[in-house]
PDB file of N, CA and C in Angstrom:
ATOM      1  N   MET A   1      72.242 103.748 114.415  1.00  0.00           N
ATOM      2  CA  MET A   1      71.060 102.922 114.445  1.00  0.00           C
ATOM      3  C   MET A   1      70.533 102.721 113.024  1.00  0.00           C
ATOM      4  N   GLU A   2      70.679 103.750 112.202  1.00  0.00           N
ATOM      5  CA  GLU A   2      70.191 103.649 110.828  1.00  0.00           C
ATOM      6  C   GLU A   2      70.911 102.535 110.065  1.00  0.00           C
ATOM      7  N   ILE A   3      72.226 102.440 110.255  1.00  0.00           N
ATOM      8  CA  ILE A   3      73.000 101.411 109.557  1.00  0.00           C
ATOM      9  C   ILE A   3      72.597 100.024 110.046  1.00  0.00           C
ATOM     10  N   ILE A   4      72.426  99.870 111.353  1.00  0.00           N
ATOM     11  CA  ILE A   4      72.006  98.576 111.902  1.00  0.00           C
ATOM     12  C   ILE A   4      70.661  98.179 111.315  1.00  0.00           C
ATOM     13  N   SER A   5      69.761  99.129 111.251  1.00  0.00           N
ATOM     14  CA  SER A   5      68.435  98.865 110.692  1.00  0.00           C
ATOM     15  C   SER A   5      68.524  98.521 109.208  1.00  0.00           C
ATOM     16  N   LYS A   6      69.320  99.263 108.483  1.00  0.00           N
ATOM     17  CA  LYS A   6      69.449  99.061 107.039  1.00  0.00           C
ATOM     18  C   LYS A   6      70.131  97.731 106.714  1.00  0.00           C
ATOM     19  N   GLU A   7      71.206  97.418 107.423  1.00  0.00           N
ATOM     20  CA  GLU A   7      71.985  96.206 107.150  1.00  0.00           C
ATOM     21  C   GLU A   7      71.346  94.950 107.745  1.00  0.00           C
ATOM     22  N   LYS A   8      70.487  95.139 108.723  1.00  0.00           N
ATOM     23  CA  LYS A   8      69.824  94.021 109.412  1.00  0.00           C
ATOM     24  C   LYS A   8      70.853  93.036 109.991  1.00  0.00           C
ATOM     25  N   LYS A   9      71.880  93.615 110.602  1.00  0.00           N
ATOM     26  CA  LYS A   9      72.930  92.835 111.255  1.00  0.00           C
ATOM     27  C   LYS A   9      73.170  93.430 112.632  1.00  0.00           C
ATOM     28  N   PRO A  10      73.579  92.590 113.588  1.00  0.00           N
ATOM     29  CA  PRO A  10      73.916  93.137 114.906  1.00  0.00           C
ATOM     30  C   PRO A  10      75.157  94.040 114.821  1.00  0.00           C
ATOM     31  N   LEU A  11      75.253  94.979 115.736  1.00  0.00           N
ATOM     32  CA  LEU A  11      76.377  95.909 115.770  1.00  0.00           C
ATOM     33  C   LEU A  11      77.708  95.165 115.843  1.00  0.00           C
ATOM     34  N   SER A  12      77.773  94.095 116.625  1.00  0.00           N
ATOM     35  CA  SER A  12      79.022  93.337 116.767  1.00  0.00           C
ATOM     36  C   SER A  12      79.504  92.793 115.420  1.00  0.00           C
ATOM     37  N   ILE A  13      78.604  92.357 114.575  1.00  0.00           N
ATOM     38  CA  ILE A  13      78.967  91.845 113.243  1.00  0.00           C
ATOM     39  C   ILE A  13      79.440  93.000 112.360  1.00  0.00           C
ATOM     40  N   LEU A  14      78.738  94.123 112.410  1.00  0.00           N
ATOM     41  CA  LEU A  14      79.143  95.287 111.612  1.00  0.00           C
ATOM     42  C   LEU A  14      80.546  95.754 111.996  1.00  0.00           C
ATOM     43  N   ILE A  15      80.853  95.730 113.279  1.00  0.00           N
ATOM     44  CA  ILE A  15      82.178  96.138 113.750  1.00  0.00           C
ATOM     45  C   ILE A  15      83.242  95.174 113.237  1.00  0.00           C
ATOM     46  N   GLU A  16      82.950  93.871 113.273  1.00  0.00           N
ATOM     47  CA  GLU A  16      83.895  92.867 112.769  1.00  0.00           C
ATOM     48  C   GLU A  16      84.179  93.053 111.282  1.00  0.00           C
ATOM     49  N   GLU A  17      83.213  93.562 110.545  1.00  0.00           N
ATOM     50  CA  GLU A  17      83.362  93.740 109.103  1.00  0.00           C
ATOM     51  C   GLU A  17      84.164  94.989 108.733  1.00  0.00           C
ATOM     52  N   LEU A  18      84.389  95.871 109.695  1.00  0.00           N
ATOM     53  CA  LEU A  18      85.181  97.069 109.420  1.00  0.00           C
ATOM     54  C   LEU A  18      86.627  96.680 109.135  1.00  0.00           C
ATOM     55  N   PRO A  19      87.275  97.365 108.202  1.00  0.00           N
ATOM     56  CA  PRO A  19      88.679  97.038 107.927  1.00  0.00           C
ATOM     57  C   PRO A  19      89.560  97.382 109.126  1.00  0.00           C
ATOM     58  N   SER A  20      90.593  96.595 109.309  1.00  0.00           N
ATOM     59  CA  SER A  20      91.532  96.802 110.405  1.00  0.00           C
ATOM     60  C   SER A  20      92.805  97.442 109.858  1.00  0.00           C
ATOM     61  N   TYR A  21      93.353  98.401 110.572  1.00  0.00           N
ATOM     62  CA  TYR A  21      94.579  99.072 110.154  1.00  0.00           C
ATOM     63  C   TYR A  21      95.588  99.036 111.289  1.00  0.00           C
ATOM     64  N   GLN A  22      96.848  99.018 110.908  1.00  0.00           N
ATOM     65  CA  GLN A  22      97.949  99.043 111.865  1.00  0.00           C
ATOM     66  C   GLN A  22      98.675 100.375 111.719  1.00  0.00           C
ATOM     67  N   SER A  23      99.192 100.882 112.813  1.00  0.00           N
ATOM     68  CA  SER A  23      99.909 102.160 112.742  1.00  0.00           C
ATOM     69  C   SER A  23     101.291 102.030 113.377  1.00  0.00           C
ATOM     70  N   GLN A  24     102.169 102.898 112.949  1.00  0.00           N
ATOM     71  CA  GLN A  24     103.537 102.956 113.462  1.00  0.00           C
ATOM     72  C   GLN A  24     103.934 104.423 113.560  1.00  0.00           C
ATOM     73  N   LYS A  25     104.826 104.718 114.479  1.00  0.00           N
ATOM     74  CA  LYS A  25     105.355 106.082 114.550  1.00  0.00           C
ATOM     75  C   LYS A  25     106.852 106.034 114.808  1.00  0.00           C
ATOM     76  N   ARG A  26     107.520 107.027 114.284  1.00  0.00           N
ATOM     77  CA  ARG A  26     108.968 107.155 114.419  1.00  0.00           C
ATOM     78  C   ARG A  26     109.297 108.642 114.577  1.00  0.00           C
ATOM     79  N   LYS A  27     110.529 108.913 114.998  1.00  0.00           N
ATOM     80  CA  LYS A  27     110.994 110.302 115.034  1.00  0.00           C
ATOM     81  C   LYS A  27     112.471 110.333 114.696  1.00  0.00           C
ATOM     82  N   VAL A  28     112.903 111.474 114.198  1.00  0.00           N
ATOM     83  CA  VAL A  28     114.300 111.658 113.826  1.00  0.00           C
ATOM     84  C   VAL A  28     114.687 113.104 114.131  1.00  0.00           C
ATOM     85  N   GLU A  29     115.893 113.291 114.630  1.00  0.00           N
ATOM     86  CA  GLU A  29     116.365 114.634 114.971  1.00  0.00           C
ATOM     87  C   GLU A  29     116.623 115.454 113.715  1.00  0.00           C
ATOM     88  N   CYS A  30     116.334 116.737 113.828  1.00  0.00           N
ATOM     89  CA  CYS A  30     116.551 117.668 112.725  1.00  0.00           C
ATOM     90  C   CYS A  30     116.664 119.078 113.303  1.00  0.00           C
ATOM     91  N   PRO A  31     117.674 119.829 112.901  1.00  0.00           N
ATOM     92  CA  PRO A  31     117.787 121.209 113.387  1.00  0.00           C
ATOM     93  C   PRO A  31     116.554 122.025 112.988  1.00  0.00           C
ATOM     94  N   ASP A  32     116.085 122.842 113.895  1.00  0.00           N
ATOM     95  CA  ASP A  32     114.896 123.663 113.632  1.00  0.00           C
ATOM     96  C   ASP A  32     115.047 124.519 112.375  1.00  0.00           C
ATOM     97  N   ASN A  33     116.247 125.036 112.139  1.00  0.00           N
ATOM     98  CA  ASN A  33     116.439 125.945 111.003  1.00  0.00           C
ATOM     99  C   ASN A  33     116.403 125.238 109.639  1.00  0.00           C
ATOM    100  N   ARG A  34     116.317 123.908 109.618  1.00  0.00           N
ATOM    101  CA  ARG A  34     116.259 123.172 108.342  1.00  0.00           C
ATOM    102  C   ARG A  34     114.886 122.564 108.073  1.00  0.00           C
ATOM    103  N   LYS A  35     113.990 122.660 109.026  1.00  0.00           N
ATOM    104  CA  LYS A  35     112.699 121.973 108.902  1.00  0.00           C
ATOM    105  C   LYS A  35     111.901 122.400 107.669  1.00  0.00           C
ATOM    106  N   GLU A  36     111.764 123.686 107.454  1.00  0.00           N
ATOM    107  CA  GLU A  36     110.963 124.176 106.323  1.00  0.00           C
ATOM    108  C   GLU A  36     111.555 123.717 104.993  1.00  0.00           C
ATOM    109  N   GLU A  37     112.861 123.861 104.862  1.00  0.00           N
ATOM    110  CA  GLU A  37     113.565 123.439 103.639  1.00  0.00           C
ATOM    111  C   GLU A  37     113.359 121.940 103.390  1.00  0.00           C
ATOM    112  N   ILE A  38     113.486 121.144 104.431  1.00  0.00           N
ATOM    113  CA  ILE A  38     113.345 119.693 104.284  1.00  0.00           C
ATOM    114  C   ILE A  38     111.917 119.320 103.914  1.00  0.00           C
ATOM    115  N   MET A  39     110.944 119.994 104.497  1.00  0.00           N
ATOM    116  CA  MET A  39     109.544 119.726 104.141  1.00  0.00           C
ATOM    117  C   MET A  39     109.315 119.987 102.652  1.00  0.00           C
ATOM    118  N   GLU A  40     109.828 121.084 102.150  1.00  0.00           N
ATOM    119  CA  GLU A  40     109.668 121.420 100.729  1.00  0.00           C
ATOM    120  C   GLU A  40     110.328 120.373  99.843  1.00  0.00           C
ATOM    121  N   LYS A  41     111.528 119.947 100.215  1.00  0.00           N
ATOM    122  CA  LYS A  41     112.252 118.958  99.417  1.00  0.00           C
ATOM    123  C   LYS A  41     111.550 117.600  99.426  1.00  0.00           C
ATOM    124  N   ILE A  42     110.988 117.215 100.565  1.00  0.00           N
ATOM    125  CA  ILE A  42     110.261 115.943 100.634  1.00  0.00           C
ATOM    126  C   ILE A  42     109.025 116.002  99.747  1.00  0.00           C
ATOM    127  N   ALA A  43     108.312 117.111  99.782  1.00  0.00           N
ATOM    128  CA  ALA A  43     107.124 117.267  98.927  1.00  0.00           C
ATOM    129  C   ALA A  43     107.514 117.156  97.453  1.00  0.00           C
ATOM    130  N   GLU A  44     108.626 117.770  97.076  1.00  0.00           N
ATOM    131  CA  GLU A  44     109.108 117.699  95.688  1.00  0.00           C
ATOM    132  C   GLU A  44     109.538 116.282  95.324  1.00  0.00           C
ATOM    133  N   ALA A  45     110.241 115.616  96.244  1.00  0.00           N
ATOM    134  CA  ALA A  45     110.784 114.278  95.972  1.00  0.00           C
ATOM    135  C   ALA A  45     109.703 113.207  95.866  1.00  0.00           C
ATOM    136  N   THR A  46     108.525 113.489  96.385  1.00  0.00           N
ATOM    137  CA  THR A  46     107.456 112.480  96.382  1.00  0.00           C
ATOM    138  C   THR A  46     106.288 112.885  95.490  1.00  0.00           C
ATOM    139  N   CYS A  47     106.531 113.781  94.543  1.00  0.00           N
ATOM    140  CA  CYS A  47     105.438 114.319  93.720  1.00  0.00           C
ATOM    141  C   CYS A  47     104.768 113.270  92.833  1.00  0.00           C
ATOM    142  N   GLU A  48     105.395 112.093  92.635  1.00  0.00           N
ATOM    143  CA  GLU A  48     104.742 111.061  91.825  1.00  0.00           C
ATOM    144  C   GLU A  48     103.632 110.341  92.593  1.00  0.00           C
ATOM    145  N   PHE A  49     103.548 110.588  93.894  1.00  0.00           N
ATOM    146  CA  PHE A  49     102.496 110.023  94.733  1.00  0.00           C
ATOM    147  C   PHE A  49     101.412 111.072  94.977  1.00  0.00           C
ATOM    148  N   GLU A  50     100.286 110.612  95.494  1.00  0.00           N
ATOM    149  CA  GLU A  50      99.279 111.561  95.972  1.00  0.00           C
ATOM    150  C   GLU A  50      99.821 112.140  97.279  1.00  0.00           C
ATOM    151  N   VAL A  51      99.934 113.458  97.346  1.00  0.00           N
ATOM    152  CA  VAL A  51     100.532 114.123  98.507  1.00  0.00           C
ATOM    153  C   VAL A  51      99.594 115.211  99.006  1.00  0.00           C
ATOM    154  N   ASP A  52      99.442 115.282 100.327  1.00  0.00           N
ATOM    155  CA  ASP A  52      98.657 116.331 100.976  1.00  0.00           C
ATOM    156  C   ASP A  52      99.618 117.102 101.877  1.00  0.00           C
ATOM    157  N   THR A  53      99.699 118.412 101.696  1.00  0.00           N
ATOM    158  CA  THR A  53     100.648 119.217 102.477  1.00  0.00           C
ATOM    159  C   THR A  53      99.957 120.138 103.481  1.00  0.00           C
ATOM    160  N   LYS A  54      98.731 119.814 103.864  1.00  0.00           N
ATOM    161  CA  LYS A  54      98.008 120.683 104.810  1.00  0.00           C
ATOM    162  C   LYS A  54      98.620 120.686 106.205  1.00  0.00           C
ATOM    163  N   ASP A  55      99.074 119.538 106.670  1.00  0.00           N
ATOM    164  CA  ASP A  55      99.559 119.431 108.047  1.00  0.00           C
ATOM    165  C   ASP A  55     100.835 118.593 108.070  1.00  0.00           C
ATOM    166  N   GLY A  56     101.837 119.030 107.329  1.00  0.00           N
ATOM    167  CA  GLY A  56     103.035 118.233 107.128  1.00  0.00           C
ATOM    168  C   GLY A  56     103.035 117.766 105.686  1.00  0.00           C
ATOM    169  N   VAL A  57     103.711 116.657 105.422  1.00  0.00           N
ATOM    170  CA  VAL A  57     103.667 116.045 104.095  1.00  0.00           C
ATOM    171  C   VAL A  57     103.088 114.648 104.290  1.00  0.00           C
ATOM    172  N   LYS A  58     101.872 114.454 103.813  1.00  0.00           N
ATOM    173  CA  LYS A  58     101.208 113.152 103.914  1.00  0.00           C
ATOM    174  C   LYS A  58     101.244 112.509 102.535  1.00  0.00           C
ATOM    175  N   ILE A  59     101.837 111.316 102.472  1.00  0.00           N
ATOM    176  CA  ILE A  59     102.045 110.625 101.205  1.00  0.00           C
ATOM    177  C   ILE A  59     101.196 109.358 101.196  1.00  0.00           C
ATOM    178  N   PHE A  60     100.387 109.225 100.157  1.00  0.00           N
ATOM    179  CA  PHE A  60      99.508 108.065 100.019  1.00  0.00           C
ATOM    180  C   PHE A  60     100.083 107.100  98.985  1.00  0.00           C
ATOM    181  N   THR A  61     100.137 105.816  99.331  1.00  0.00           N
ATOM    182  CA  THR A  61     100.567 104.783  98.389  1.00  0.00           C
ATOM    183  C   THR A  61      99.537 103.657  98.427  1.00  0.00           C
ATOM    184  N   GLU A  62      99.749 102.642  97.605  1.00  0.00           N
ATOM    185  CA  GLU A  62      98.846 101.491  97.622  1.00  0.00           C
ATOM    186  C   GLU A  62      98.933 100.739  98.945  1.00  0.00           C
ATOM    187  N   GLU A  63     100.080 100.781  99.599  1.00  0.00           N
ATOM    188  CA  GLU A  63     100.266 100.061 100.860  1.00  0.00           C
ATOM    189  C   GLU A  63      99.634 100.781 102.051  1.00  0.00           C
ATOM    190  N   GLY A  64      99.536 102.098 101.981  1.00  0.00           N
ATOM    191  CA  GLY A  64      99.014 102.882 103.098  1.00  0.00           C
ATOM    192  C   GLY A  64      99.434 104.332 102.952  1.00  0.00           C
ATOM    193  N   TRP A  65      99.660 104.998 104.075  1.00  0.00           N
ATOM    194  CA  TRP A  65     100.100 106.391 104.033  1.00  0.00           C
ATOM    195  C   TRP A  65     101.092 106.655 105.156  1.00  0.00           C
ATOM    196  N   VAL A  66     101.867 107.713 104.957  1.00  0.00           N
ATOM    197  CA  VAL A  66     102.777 108.199 105.992  1.00  0.00           C
ATOM    198  C   VAL A  66     102.681 109.717 105.996  1.00  0.00           C
ATOM    199  N   ILE A  67     102.671 110.289 107.187  1.00  0.00           N
ATOM    200  CA  ILE A  67     102.727 111.748 107.305  1.00  0.00           C
ATOM    201  C   ILE A  67     104.015 112.109 108.037  1.00  0.00           C
ATOM    202  N   ILE A  68     104.704 113.076 107.484  1.00  0.00           N
ATOM    203  CA  ILE A  68     105.968 113.554 108.032  1.00  0.00           C
ATOM    204  C   ILE A  68     105.731 114.984 108.496  1.00  0.00           C
ATOM    205  N   ARG A  69     105.926 115.212 109.804  1.00  0.00           N
ATOM    206  CA  ARG A  69     105.621 116.522 110.382  1.00  0.00           C
ATOM    207  C   ARG A  69     106.763 116.995 111.262  1.00  0.00           C
ATOM    208  N   PRO A  70     107.128 118.256 111.137  1.00  0.00           N
ATOM    209  CA  PRO A  70     108.125 118.794 112.060  1.00  0.00           C
ATOM    210  C   PRO A  70     107.458 119.103 113.402  1.00  0.00           C
ATOM    211  N   SER A  71     108.165 118.813 114.470  1.00  0.00           N
ATOM    212  CA  SER A  71     107.665 119.167 115.793  1.00  0.00           C
ATOM    213  C   SER A  71     107.763 120.674 115.971  1.00  0.00           C
ATOM    214  N   GLY A  72     106.786 121.246 116.626  1.00  0.00           N
ATOM    215  CA  GLY A  72     106.822 122.672 116.912  1.00  0.00           C
ATOM    216  C   GLY A  72     107.558 122.995 118.198  1.00  0.00           C
ATOM    217  N   THR A  73     107.887 121.955 118.981  1.00  0.00           N
ATOM    218  CA  THR A  73     108.507 122.184 120.286  1.00  0.00           C
ATOM    219  C   THR A  73     109.863 121.510 120.458  1.00  0.00           C
ATOM    220  N   GLU A  74     110.219 120.619 119.524  1.00  0.00           N
ATOM    221  CA  GLU A  74     111.483 119.892 119.628  1.00  0.00           C
ATOM    222  C   GLU A  74     112.190 119.908 118.276  1.00  0.00           C
ATOM    223  N   PRO A  75     113.503 119.726 118.259  1.00  0.00           N
ATOM    224  CA  PRO A  75     114.227 119.678 116.980  1.00  0.00           C
ATOM    225  C   PRO A  75     114.134 118.275 116.352  1.00  0.00           C
ATOM    226  N   ILE A  76     112.922 117.873 116.018  1.00  0.00           N
ATOM    227  CA  ILE A  76     112.691 116.542 115.443  1.00  0.00           C
ATOM    228  C   ILE A  76     111.588 116.595 114.387  1.00  0.00           C
ATOM    229  N   PHE A  77     111.582 115.563 113.556  1.00  0.00           N
ATOM    230  CA  PHE A  77     110.456 115.263 112.681  1.00  0.00           C
ATOM    231  C   PHE A  77     109.786 114.026 113.244  1.00  0.00           C
ATOM    232  N   ARG A  78     108.480 113.976 113.133  1.00  0.00           N
ATOM    233  CA  ARG A  78     107.720 112.787 113.517  1.00  0.00           C
ATOM    234  C   ARG A  78     107.110 112.188 112.258  1.00  0.00           C
ATOM    235  N   CYS A  79     107.127 110.877 112.193  1.00  0.00           N
ATOM    236  CA  CYS A  79     106.500 110.157 111.081  1.00  0.00           C
ATOM    237  C   CYS A  79     105.448 109.229 111.654  1.00  0.00           C
ATOM    238  N   PHE A  80     104.244 109.339 111.148  1.00  0.00           N
ATOM    239  CA  PHE A  80     103.147 108.457 111.521  1.00  0.00           C
ATOM    240  C   PHE A  80     102.716 107.731 110.255  1.00  0.00           C
ATOM    241  N   ALA A  81     102.563 106.418 110.349  1.00  0.00           N
ATOM    242  CA  ALA A  81     102.182 105.634 109.176  1.00  0.00           C
ATOM    243  C   ALA A  81     101.028 104.712 109.526  1.00  0.00           C
ATOM    244  N   GLU A  82     100.221 104.416 108.520  1.00  0.00           N
ATOM    245  CA  GLU A  82      99.103 103.498 108.697  1.00  0.00           C
ATOM    246  C   GLU A  82      98.981 102.631 107.455  1.00  0.00           C
ATOM    247  N   ALA A  83      98.742 101.332 107.684  1.00  0.00           N
ATOM    248  CA  ALA A  83      98.570 100.377 106.589  1.00  0.00           C
ATOM    249  C   ALA A  83      97.680  99.235 107.078  1.00  0.00           C
ATOM    250  N   LYS A  84      97.307  98.363 106.160  1.00  0.00           N
ATOM    251  CA  LYS A  84      96.412  97.259 106.522  1.00  0.00           C
ATOM    252  C   LYS A  84      97.098  96.183 107.345  1.00  0.00           C
ATOM    253  N   ASN A  85      98.432  96.138 107.321  1.00  0.00           N
ATOM    254  CA  ASN A  85      99.136  95.165 108.160  1.00  0.00           C
ATOM    255  C   ASN A  85     100.357  95.829 108.794  1.00  0.00           C
ATOM    256  N   GLU A  86     100.858  95.191 109.849  1.00  0.00           N
ATOM    257  CA  GLU A  86     101.951  95.777 110.631  1.00  0.00           C
ATOM    258  C   GLU A  86     103.228  95.931 109.806  1.00  0.00           C
ATOM    259  N   GLU A  87     103.525  94.944 108.977  1.00  0.00           N
ATOM    260  CA  GLU A  87     104.746  94.999 108.162  1.00  0.00           C
ATOM    261  C   GLU A  87     104.740  96.213 107.234  1.00  0.00           C
ATOM    262  N   ASP A  88     103.618  96.439 106.546  1.00  0.00           N
ATOM    263  CA  ASP A  88     103.535  97.594 105.648  1.00  0.00           C
ATOM    264  C   ASP A  88     103.576  98.907 106.422  1.00  0.00           C
ATOM    265  N   ALA A  89     102.950  98.934 107.603  1.00  0.00           N
ATOM    266  CA  ALA A  89     102.982 100.151 108.420  1.00  0.00           C
ATOM    267  C   ALA A  89     104.418 100.468 108.839  1.00  0.00           C
ATOM    268  N   LYS A  90     105.175  99.437 109.221  1.00  0.00           N
ATOM    269  CA  LYS A  90     106.582  99.644 109.593  1.00  0.00           C
ATOM    270  C   LYS A  90     107.382 100.158 108.402  1.00  0.00           C
ATOM    271  N   LYS A  91     107.160  99.553 107.225  1.00  0.00           N
ATOM    272  CA  LYS A  91     107.875  99.985 106.020  1.00  0.00           C
ATOM    273  C   LYS A  91     107.564 101.441 105.687  1.00  0.00           C
ATOM    274  N   MET A  92     106.295 101.814 105.813  1.00  0.00           N
ATOM    275  CA  MET A  92     105.902 103.191 105.512  1.00  0.00           C
ATOM    276  C   MET A  92     106.571 104.166 106.487  1.00  0.00           C
ATOM    277  N   ALA A  93     106.588 103.822 107.776  1.00  0.00           N
ATOM    278  CA  ALA A  93     107.212 104.697 108.780  1.00  0.00           C
ATOM    279  C   ALA A  93     108.716 104.825 108.530  1.00  0.00           C
ATOM    280  N   GLU A  94     109.366 103.707 108.222  1.00  0.00           N
ATOM    281  CA  GLU A  94     110.806 103.738 107.940  1.00  0.00           C
ATOM    282  C   GLU A  94     111.099 104.538 106.672  1.00  0.00           C
ATOM    283  N   TRP A  95     110.231 104.407 105.681  1.00  0.00           N
ATOM    284  CA  TRP A  95     110.391 105.181 104.449  1.00  0.00           C
ATOM    285  C   TRP A  95     110.304 106.679 104.759  1.00  0.00           C
ATOM    286  N   GLY A  96     109.339 107.054 105.606  1.00  0.00           N
ATOM    287  CA  GLY A  96     109.204 108.459 105.997  1.00  0.00           C
ATOM    288  C   GLY A  96     110.473 108.987 106.650  1.00  0.00           C
ATOM    289  N   ILE A  97     111.041 108.205 107.564  1.00  0.00           N
ATOM    290  CA  ILE A  97     112.293 108.601 108.217  1.00  0.00           C
ATOM    291  C   ILE A  97     113.418 108.711 107.194  1.00  0.00           C
ATOM    292  N   SER A  98     113.468 107.750 106.257  1.00  0.00           N
ATOM    293  CA  SER A  98     114.542 107.779 105.253  1.00  0.00           C
ATOM    294  C   SER A  98     114.442 109.015 104.363  1.00  0.00           C
ATOM    295  N   LEU A  99     113.217 109.472 104.095  1.00  0.00           N
ATOM    296  CA  LEU A  99     113.052 110.694 103.298  1.00  0.00           C
ATOM    297  C   LEU A  99     113.650 111.903 104.021  1.00  0.00           C
ATOM    298  N   VAL A 100     113.438 111.970 105.322  1.00  0.00           N
ATOM    299  CA  VAL A 100     114.010 113.074 106.109  1.00  0.00           C
ATOM    300  C   VAL A 100     115.535 112.965 106.116  1.00  0.00           C
ATOM    301  N   LEU A 101     116.047 111.777 106.400  1.00  0.00           N
ATOM    302  CA  LEU A 101     117.502 111.588 106.475  1.00  0.00           C
ATOM    303  C   LEU A 101     118.185 111.906 105.148  1.00  0.00           C
ATOM    304  N   GLU A 102     117.548 111.517 104.047  1.00  0.00           N
ATOM    305  CA  GLU A 102     118.076 111.819 102.715  1.00  0.00           C
ATOM    306  C   GLU A 102     118.261 113.325 102.523  1.00  0.00           C
ATOM    307  N   GLN A 103     117.251 114.076 102.933  1.00  0.00           N
ATOM    308  CA  GLN A 103     117.309 115.532 102.757  1.00  0.00           C
ATOM    309  C   GLN A 103     118.276 116.186 103.740  1.00  0.00           C
ATOM    310  N   LEU A 104     118.440 115.603 104.912  1.00  0.00           N
ATOM    311  CA  LEU A 104     119.407 116.144 105.878  1.00  0.00           C
ATOM    312  C   LEU A 104     120.832 116.062 105.341  1.00  0.00           C
ATOM    313  N   LYS A 105     121.109 115.044 104.527  1.00  0.00           N
ATOM    314  CA  LYS A 105     122.456 114.860 103.965  1.00  0.00           C
ATOM    315  C   LYS A 105     122.774 115.879 102.881  1.00  0.00           C
ATOM    316  N   SER A 106     121.741 116.398 102.232  1.00  0.00           N
ATOM    317  CA  SER A 106     121.995 117.314 101.104  1.00  0.00           C
ATOM    318  C   SER A 106     122.183 118.750 101.553  1.00  0.00           C
TER     319      SER A 106
END
């Protein structure tokens, strides 16, 4: 209510002014015994970006972000990406998967 009062705009207009984001998710198989090693290698390989390792490896770029997380119940990694448009969100999610696949080969 404070924002509505301060902005002197109806709630519907304020909602329309909020930025819109698109999200994508992907998954890729990975043996459980390699998950920790792969997480460390991905964090190292992406050190030129802003990276948060609190809950997986979350990588921030100008296009958006992707978080790469190992599943605790399945032999897979999950990648969740968000960007301002669907194309960039898809690219971010695919990039996340490619980072996992790259490390699986090594």
